[in-house]
Amino acid sequence: MSFKIYVGGLPYPTTETELTDLFVQHGNVDSAKIITDKYTGRSRGFGFVEMPSEEEGKAAIAALNGTQLDGRTLTVNQARPQEARAGGGRGGFGGGRGGRHDR
C-alpha cells in the first residue's frame, strides 16, 4: 500500500517531473500529481506524491516540510482522505416565481 503525501505551496510553474525529482532524493516515488484547475488547466499550487513505504514517506516529509522551492515555502504532510462533499449543483432555492407576488 502506498503512502500518500500532500504537498502545498508549490510554485505554479512546477511540473510533475520536478515534483518527482524533489521527492526521489528521499526514496522511491510511485507517482506525483499536481492538481490543476479544471477550467483553465493551471496549477492550483498543490499536489500529491505516493511513495511505496511509510518509512520513505515520513523521511521525505521530515526533510521537505517548511523548505523553499523557487521562493515559496512548501507544506508537506501525510495526505488525509478526501472529505465527502455535500450534494452538487445549485443552492437550496426551490422553484417558484421569484420576484414580486401578485396580490
N, C-alpha and C. Protein backbone atom coordinates (compact mmCIF):
# COMPACT_ATOMS: atom_id res chain seq x y z
N MET A 1 0.84 -1.19 0.00
CA MET A 1 0.00 0.00 0.00
C MET A 1 0.88 1.24 0.00
N SER A 2 0.59 2.18 -0.86
CA SER A 2 1.38 3.39 -0.99
C SER A 2 1.10 4.36 0.16
N PHE A 3 2.09 5.17 0.45
CA PHE A 3 1.99 6.22 1.45
C PHE A 3 1.78 7.53 0.69
N LYS A 4 0.63 8.16 0.90
CA LYS A 4 0.27 9.35 0.12
C LYS A 4 0.62 10.62 0.90
N ILE A 5 1.26 11.56 0.19
CA ILE A 5 1.76 12.79 0.80
C ILE A 5 1.14 13.99 0.10
N TYR A 6 0.68 14.96 0.90
CA TYR A 6 0.17 16.23 0.38
C TYR A 6 1.33 17.21 0.30
N VAL A 7 1.42 17.95 -0.80
CA VAL A 7 2.46 18.96 -0.98
C VAL A 7 1.77 20.27 -1.36
N GLY A 8 1.80 21.24 -0.46
CA GLY A 8 1.18 22.54 -0.72
C GLY A 8 2.23 23.62 -0.86
N GLY A 9 1.82 24.75 -1.42
CA GLY A 9 2.74 25.88 -1.60
C GLY A 9 3.64 25.73 -2.81
N LEU A 10 3.25 24.88 -3.74
CA LEU A 10 4.08 24.68 -4.93
C LEU A 10 4.05 25.92 -5.83
N PRO A 11 5.19 26.31 -6.36
CA PRO A 11 5.18 27.37 -7.36
C PRO A 11 4.32 26.91 -8.55
N TYR A 12 3.55 27.81 -9.13
CA TYR A 12 2.61 27.42 -10.19
C TYR A 12 3.27 26.78 -11.41
N PRO A 13 4.49 27.17 -11.80
CA PRO A 13 5.08 26.51 -12.98
C PRO A 13 5.66 25.11 -12.72
N THR A 14 5.65 24.63 -11.48
CA THR A 14 6.23 23.33 -11.15
C THR A 14 5.55 22.22 -11.95
N THR A 15 6.36 21.32 -12.51
CA THR A 15 5.82 20.19 -13.27
C THR A 15 5.82 18.93 -12.40
N GLU A 16 5.09 17.93 -12.85
CA GLU A 16 5.06 16.66 -12.11
C GLU A 16 6.43 16.00 -12.12
N THR A 17 7.21 16.18 -13.17
CA THR A 17 8.57 15.65 -13.22
C THR A 17 9.44 16.31 -12.16
N GLU A 18 9.32 17.62 -12.02
CA GLU A 18 10.10 18.34 -11.00
C GLU A 18 9.69 17.91 -9.59
N LEU A 19 8.39 17.67 -9.40
CA LEU A 19 7.91 17.20 -8.10
C LEU A 19 8.47 15.82 -7.80
N THR A 20 8.47 14.94 -8.78
CA THR A 20 9.05 13.61 -8.62
C THR A 20 10.53 13.72 -8.27
N ASP A 21 11.26 14.56 -9.01
CA ASP A 21 12.70 14.73 -8.76
C ASP A 21 12.98 15.23 -7.35
N LEU A 22 12.11 16.08 -6.82
CA LEU A 22 12.28 16.60 -5.47
C LEU A 22 12.17 15.48 -4.44
N PHE A 23 11.21 14.58 -4.64
CA PHE A 23 10.96 13.52 -3.66
C PHE A 23 11.86 12.30 -3.84
N VAL A 24 12.34 12.04 -5.05
CA VAL A 24 13.15 10.85 -5.29
C VAL A 24 14.49 10.94 -4.53
N GLN A 25 14.86 12.13 -4.10
CA GLN A 25 16.06 12.30 -3.28
C GLN A 25 15.89 11.66 -1.90
N HIS A 26 14.64 11.34 -1.54
CA HIS A 26 14.35 10.80 -0.21
C HIS A 26 13.75 9.40 -0.26
N GLY A 27 13.71 8.79 -1.42
CA GLY A 27 13.18 7.43 -1.55
C GLY A 27 12.53 7.23 -2.90
N ASN A 28 11.96 6.06 -3.08
CA ASN A 28 11.27 5.75 -4.34
C ASN A 28 9.94 6.48 -4.42
N VAL A 29 9.57 6.87 -5.62
CA VAL A 29 8.30 7.57 -5.84
C VAL A 29 7.45 6.72 -6.78
N ASP A 30 6.23 6.39 -6.32
CA ASP A 30 5.30 5.65 -7.17
C ASP A 30 4.61 6.58 -8.17
N SER A 31 4.21 7.77 -7.69
CA SER A 31 3.55 8.72 -8.58
C SER A 31 3.61 10.12 -7.98
N ALA A 32 3.47 11.12 -8.85
CA ALA A 32 3.40 12.52 -8.42
C ALA A 32 2.34 13.18 -9.29
N LYS A 33 1.43 13.90 -8.66
CA LYS A 33 0.33 14.53 -9.38
C LYS A 33 0.13 15.95 -8.88
N ILE A 34 0.17 16.91 -9.80
CA ILE A 34 -0.13 18.30 -9.47
C ILE A 34 -1.59 18.55 -9.82
N ILE A 35 -2.32 19.12 -8.90
CA ILE A 35 -3.74 19.38 -9.10
C ILE A 35 -3.91 20.67 -9.91
N THR A 36 -4.73 20.58 -10.94
CA THR A 36 -4.94 21.73 -11.82
C THR A 36 -6.41 22.17 -11.80
N ASP A 37 -6.63 23.42 -12.14
CA ASP A 37 -7.98 23.95 -12.26
C ASP A 37 -8.63 23.30 -13.48
N LYS A 38 -9.85 22.81 -13.30
CA LYS A 38 -10.48 22.07 -14.40
C LYS A 38 -10.88 22.96 -15.57
N TYR A 39 -10.99 24.26 -15.35
CA TYR A 39 -11.39 25.16 -16.45
C TYR A 39 -10.19 25.75 -17.17
N THR A 40 -9.15 26.14 -16.42
CA THR A 40 -8.00 26.80 -17.04
C THR A 40 -6.83 25.86 -17.28
N GLY A 41 -6.79 24.74 -16.56
CA GLY A 41 -5.67 23.82 -16.68
C GLY A 41 -4.44 24.29 -15.92
N ARG A 42 -4.54 25.43 -15.24
CA ARG A 42 -3.41 25.99 -14.49
C ARG A 42 -3.28 25.29 -13.13
N SER A 43 -2.06 25.14 -12.67
CA SER A 43 -1.80 24.52 -11.38
C SER A 43 -2.53 25.28 -10.27
N ARG A 44 -3.02 24.54 -9.29
CA ARG A 44 -3.66 25.17 -8.13
C ARG A 44 -2.66 25.33 -6.98
N GLY A 45 -1.40 24.97 -7.22
CA GLY A 45 -0.36 25.20 -6.22
C GLY A 45 -0.21 24.09 -5.19
N PHE A 46 -0.82 22.94 -5.46
CA PHE A 46 -0.62 21.81 -4.57
C PHE A 46 -0.71 20.51 -5.36
N GLY A 47 -0.24 19.45 -4.72
CA GLY A 47 -0.26 18.15 -5.38
C GLY A 47 -0.09 17.03 -4.39
N PHE A 48 0.05 15.83 -4.91
CA PHE A 48 0.20 14.64 -4.09
C PHE A 48 1.31 13.77 -4.65
N VAL A 49 2.05 13.15 -3.74
CA VAL A 49 3.11 12.22 -4.10
C VAL A 49 2.82 10.92 -3.38
N GLU A 50 2.98 9.81 -4.08
CA GLU A 50 2.83 8.50 -3.46
C GLU A 50 4.18 7.82 -3.43
N MET A 51 4.54 7.34 -2.23
CA MET A 51 5.80 6.61 -2.05
C MET A 51 5.44 5.20 -1.59
N PRO A 52 6.28 4.21 -1.91
CA PRO A 52 5.91 2.82 -1.63
C PRO A 52 5.87 2.43 -0.16
N SER A 53 6.57 3.18 0.71
CA SER A 53 6.55 2.78 2.11
C SER A 53 6.35 3.99 3.02
N GLU A 54 5.79 3.72 4.17
CA GLU A 54 5.57 4.76 5.17
C GLU A 54 6.90 5.35 5.64
N GLU A 55 7.91 4.51 5.77
CA GLU A 55 9.23 4.98 6.22
C GLU A 55 9.80 6.03 5.28
N GLU A 56 9.76 5.73 3.98
CA GLU A 56 10.27 6.69 2.99
C GLU A 56 9.42 7.96 2.98
N GLY A 57 8.12 7.79 3.07
CA GLY A 57 7.22 8.93 3.08
C GLY A 57 7.46 9.86 4.26
N LYS A 58 7.60 9.28 5.44
CA LYS A 58 7.84 10.10 6.63
C LYS A 58 9.21 10.77 6.58
N ALA A 59 10.19 10.10 6.01
CA ALA A 59 11.52 10.70 5.85
C ALA A 59 11.44 11.91 4.90
N ALA A 60 10.68 11.76 3.82
CA ALA A 60 10.53 12.86 2.86
C ALA A 60 9.78 14.03 3.51
N ILE A 61 8.75 13.74 4.28
CA ILE A 61 8.01 14.80 4.98
C ILE A 61 8.93 15.56 5.92
N ALA A 62 9.71 14.83 6.71
CA ALA A 62 10.62 15.46 7.66
C ALA A 62 11.66 16.32 6.95
N ALA A 63 12.13 15.86 5.81
CA ALA A 63 13.17 16.58 5.08
C ALA A 63 12.64 17.80 4.32
N LEU A 64 11.41 17.73 3.82
CA LEU A 64 10.93 18.77 2.89
C LEU A 64 9.94 19.77 3.48
N ASN A 65 9.24 19.42 4.54
CA ASN A 65 8.25 20.34 5.11
C ASN A 65 8.93 21.62 5.59
N GLY A 66 8.43 22.76 5.11
CA GLY A 66 8.99 24.05 5.51
C GLY A 66 10.16 24.52 4.67
N THR A 67 10.57 23.72 3.69
CA THR A 67 11.68 24.14 2.83
C THR A 67 11.16 25.06 1.73
N GLN A 68 12.09 25.70 1.05
CA GLN A 68 11.75 26.64 -0.03
C GLN A 68 11.93 25.97 -1.39
N LEU A 69 11.01 26.26 -2.30
CA LEU A 69 11.13 25.84 -3.69
C LEU A 69 10.78 27.06 -4.53
N ASP A 70 11.77 27.58 -5.24
CA ASP A 70 11.58 28.78 -6.07
C ASP A 70 10.92 29.92 -5.30
N GLY A 71 11.36 30.12 -4.06
CA GLY A 71 10.88 31.24 -3.25
C GLY A 71 9.57 31.00 -2.51
N ARG A 72 9.00 29.83 -2.61
CA ARG A 72 7.76 29.51 -1.90
C ARG A 72 8.03 28.44 -0.86
N THR A 73 7.41 28.58 0.29
CA THR A 73 7.58 27.61 1.37
C THR A 73 6.62 26.45 1.18
N LEU A 74 7.17 25.25 1.18
CA LEU A 74 6.37 24.04 0.98
C LEU A 74 5.74 23.58 2.29
N THR A 75 4.51 23.12 2.19
CA THR A 75 3.84 22.43 3.29
C THR A 75 3.74 20.97 2.85
N VAL A 76 4.40 20.10 3.59
CA VAL A 76 4.45 18.69 3.20
C VAL A 76 4.00 17.86 4.40
N ASN A 77 2.92 17.10 4.23
CA ASN A 77 2.46 16.22 5.31
C ASN A 77 1.69 15.04 4.74
N GLN A 78 1.36 14.10 5.61
CA GLN A 78 0.63 12.92 5.15
C GLN A 78 -0.75 13.36 4.69
N ALA A 79 -1.15 12.87 3.52
CA ALA A 79 -2.46 13.23 2.97
C ALA A 79 -3.56 12.58 3.79
N ARG A 80 -4.62 13.32 3.98
CA ARG A 80 -5.81 12.78 4.65
C ARG A 80 -6.80 12.37 3.58
N PRO A 81 -7.68 11.42 3.90
CA PRO A 81 -8.70 11.04 2.91
C PRO A 81 -9.57 12.25 2.56
N GLN A 82 -9.99 12.32 1.31
CA GLN A 82 -10.83 13.43 0.87
C GLN A 82 -12.17 13.36 1.58
N GLU A 83 -12.61 14.50 2.10
CA GLU A 83 -13.89 14.54 2.79
C GLU A 83 -15.02 14.54 1.75
N ALA A 84 -16.11 13.90 2.12
CA ALA A 84 -17.27 13.86 1.22
C ALA A 84 -17.84 15.27 1.10
N ARG A 85 -18.20 15.62 -0.10
CA ARG A 85 -18.79 16.94 -0.32
C ARG A 85 -20.31 16.81 -0.34
N ALA A 86 -20.97 17.84 0.15
CA ALA A 86 -22.43 17.84 0.17
C ALA A 86 -22.96 18.03 -1.24
N GLY A 87 -23.99 17.30 -1.58
CA GLY A 87 -24.72 17.44 -2.83
C GLY A 87 -24.00 18.16 -3.94
N GLY A 88 -24.61 18.37 -4.99
CA GLY A 88 -23.98 19.10 -6.07
C GLY A 88 -24.92 20.14 -6.59
N GLY A 89 -24.46 20.86 -7.52
CA GLY A 89 -25.34 21.79 -8.19
C GLY A 89 -25.63 23.05 -7.42
N ARG A 90 -26.83 23.52 -7.56
CA ARG A 90 -27.21 24.82 -7.07
C ARG A 90 -27.60 24.81 -5.61
N GLY A 91 -27.75 26.00 -5.08
CA GLY A 91 -28.12 26.19 -3.68
C GLY A 91 -29.51 25.69 -3.38
N GLY A 92 -29.98 25.96 -2.20
CA GLY A 92 -31.25 25.43 -1.73
C GLY A 92 -32.45 26.30 -2.06
N PHE A 93 -32.54 26.76 -3.28
CA PHE A 93 -33.68 27.59 -3.66
C PHE A 93 -34.66 26.72 -4.42
N GLY A 94 -35.91 26.77 -4.00
CA GLY A 94 -36.94 25.98 -4.66
C GLY A 94 -37.37 26.64 -5.95
N GLY A 95 -38.36 26.08 -6.56
CA GLY A 95 -38.90 26.63 -7.80
C GLY A 95 -39.54 27.98 -7.56
N GLY A 96 -40.78 28.10 -7.84
CA GLY A 96 -41.48 29.35 -7.59
C GLY A 96 -41.23 30.37 -8.66
N ARG A 97 -41.87 31.51 -8.48
CA ARG A 97 -41.81 32.53 -9.49
C ARG A 97 -40.71 33.53 -9.23
N GLY A 98 -40.26 33.65 -7.97
CA GLY A 98 -39.27 34.66 -7.65
C GLY A 98 -39.86 36.05 -7.82
N GLY A 99 -39.18 37.03 -7.37
CA GLY A 99 -39.64 38.41 -7.54
C GLY A 99 -40.92 38.69 -6.75
N ARG A 100 -41.70 39.65 -7.22
CA ARG A 100 -42.93 40.04 -6.52
C ARG A 100 -44.04 39.04 -6.79
N HIS A 101 -44.90 38.94 -5.82
CA HIS A 101 -46.07 38.07 -5.96
C HIS A 101 -47.29 38.92 -6.28
N ASP A 102 -48.14 38.41 -7.13
CA ASP A 102 -49.37 39.14 -7.45
C ASP A 102 -50.27 39.17 -6.24
N ARG A 103 -50.98 40.26 -6.07
CA ARG A 103 -51.89 40.38 -4.92
C ARG A 103 -53.30 40.46 -5.36
